Every structure is written in structure tokens, then in C-alpha cells.
Protein backbone atom coordinates (compact mmCIF):
# COMPACT_ATOMS: atom_id res chain seq x y z
CA MET A 1 12.40 71.98 -10.11
CA SER A 2 12.93 74.13 -7.13
CA THR A 3 10.53 74.29 -4.20
CA SER A 4 9.68 77.93 -5.14
CA GLU A 5 8.47 76.73 -8.52
CA TRP A 6 5.80 74.67 -6.76
CA SER A 7 4.70 77.64 -4.61
CA GLY A 8 0.97 77.87 -4.62
CA ALA A 9 0.32 74.20 -5.41
CA LEU A 10 -2.99 73.19 -3.93
CA CYS A 11 -2.46 69.41 -3.45
CA PRO A 12 0.39 69.61 -0.75
CA GLU A 13 -2.03 71.49 1.51
CA LEU A 14 -4.74 68.77 1.43
CA PRO A 15 -5.44 66.33 4.35
CA GLU A 16 -3.87 62.85 3.62
CA SER A 17 -7.31 61.34 3.01
CA GLU A 18 -7.81 63.78 0.18
CA LYS A 19 -4.33 63.28 -1.29
CA ALA A 20 -5.32 59.60 -1.82
CA TRP A 21 -7.87 60.84 -4.38
CA PHE A 22 -5.07 61.47 -6.87
CA PHE A 23 -4.27 57.74 -6.89
CA ALA A 24 -7.67 56.14 -6.44
CA GLU A 25 -9.11 53.36 -8.55
CA SER A 26 -12.42 54.82 -9.34
CA GLY A 27 -13.45 57.59 -11.80
CA SER A 28 -15.70 59.53 -9.39
CA THR A 29 -12.71 59.96 -7.06
CA TYR A 30 -10.44 61.06 -9.87
CA LYS A 31 -13.05 63.74 -10.62
CA ARG A 32 -12.54 65.17 -7.18
CA ALA A 33 -8.75 65.29 -7.75
CA LYS A 34 -9.28 66.98 -11.16
CA ASP A 35 -11.53 69.56 -9.50
CA ILE A 36 -8.68 70.41 -7.17
CA CYS A 37 -6.16 70.56 -10.14
CA HIS A 38 -8.36 72.77 -12.28
CA PRO A 39 -7.63 76.14 -10.51
CA CYS A 40 -4.12 75.20 -9.42
CA PRO A 41 -1.51 77.71 -10.48
CA VAL A 42 1.16 75.02 -11.13
CA ARG A 43 -1.03 72.59 -13.03
CA GLY A 44 0.92 73.08 -16.31
CA LYS A 45 4.21 72.41 -14.61
CA CYS A 46 2.79 69.32 -12.80
CA LEU A 47 1.52 67.96 -16.11
CA ASP A 48 4.92 68.67 -17.85
CA LEU A 49 6.75 66.92 -14.97
CA ALA A 50 4.45 63.85 -15.23
CA MET A 51 4.81 63.56 -19.01
CA ASP A 52 8.61 63.91 -18.66
CA LEU A 53 8.98 61.31 -16.02
CA GLU A 54 6.55 58.88 -17.71
CA GLY A 55 8.23 59.39 -21.09
CA ARG A 56 11.43 58.12 -19.48
CA GLY A 57 9.59 55.14 -17.99
CA LEU A 58 9.45 56.46 -14.49
CA GLY A 59 6.04 56.30 -12.66
CA VAL A 60 4.86 53.67 -15.15
CA HIS A 61 3.93 50.15 -14.03
CA GLU A 62 3.38 47.42 -16.64
CA GLY A 63 3.07 50.04 -19.28
CA ARG A 64 0.30 51.99 -17.40
CA ARG A 65 0.37 55.52 -16.07
CA PHE A 66 -1.28 56.12 -12.72
CA GLY A 67 -2.85 58.97 -10.79
CA VAL A 68 -3.96 62.39 -11.58
CA TRP A 69 -1.18 64.80 -12.46
CA GLY A 70 -1.71 68.19 -13.90
CA GLY A 71 -5.41 67.60 -14.07
CA LEU A 72 -5.27 64.52 -16.27
CA SER A 73 -5.71 60.87 -15.45
CA GLY A 74 -3.21 58.27 -16.55
CA ARG A 75 -5.32 57.27 -19.44
CA GLU A 76 -5.56 60.89 -20.63
CA ARG A 77 -1.85 61.37 -20.35
CA SER A 78 -1.29 58.18 -22.32
CA ARG A 79 -3.45 59.64 -25.09
CA LEU A 80 -1.66 62.87 -24.88
CA ALA A 81 1.65 61.22 -25.23
CA LYS A 82 0.55 59.57 -28.45
CA GLU A 83 -0.64 62.85 -30.14
CA PRO A 84 1.79 64.31 -32.77
CA ALA A 85 3.86 67.18 -31.31
């Protein structure tokens, strides 16, 4: 994807301390990241990218997906990946 396709993304503009929320260990911190994702204009593209990469085994460690991408946690993306198309 080109840089222009990510124009308007909210997460790149966050301070580094808040970017860490997207890869935290606790659910309450994930909620903060999801709250940022909710109104983001590129949320769908972000989720599509995560699902594509993870479907190819990239960004997956020991079979687990990590972080909040496109407004979903790794666990939520795993469930989504198992749903019939």
C-alpha cells in the first residue's frame, strides 16, 4: 500500500507512549487502542492488512496474533480468520 492510502490514519500521530497501547498485555490498555481505532478512516484497510499478513504467517508468534490492528485484538482476529467466508 502506498503512503497516500494511509493518509488520515490516527495512530502514527500518537506519542510513543500511546502507540505502546496497541501491543500491551492488558485488556484495559487494548480498550484505549480500540477507542483510537474506532473513528479512524483507514481502520478497514488496517484490518485487511493484518489479516493478510497473519494469514501468511507474518506477525504471528507461536501461533498467536498480537496487538490491536483495525480495531481488533489478536484474539478477535483469530476468531475472524476462522469464520467461513
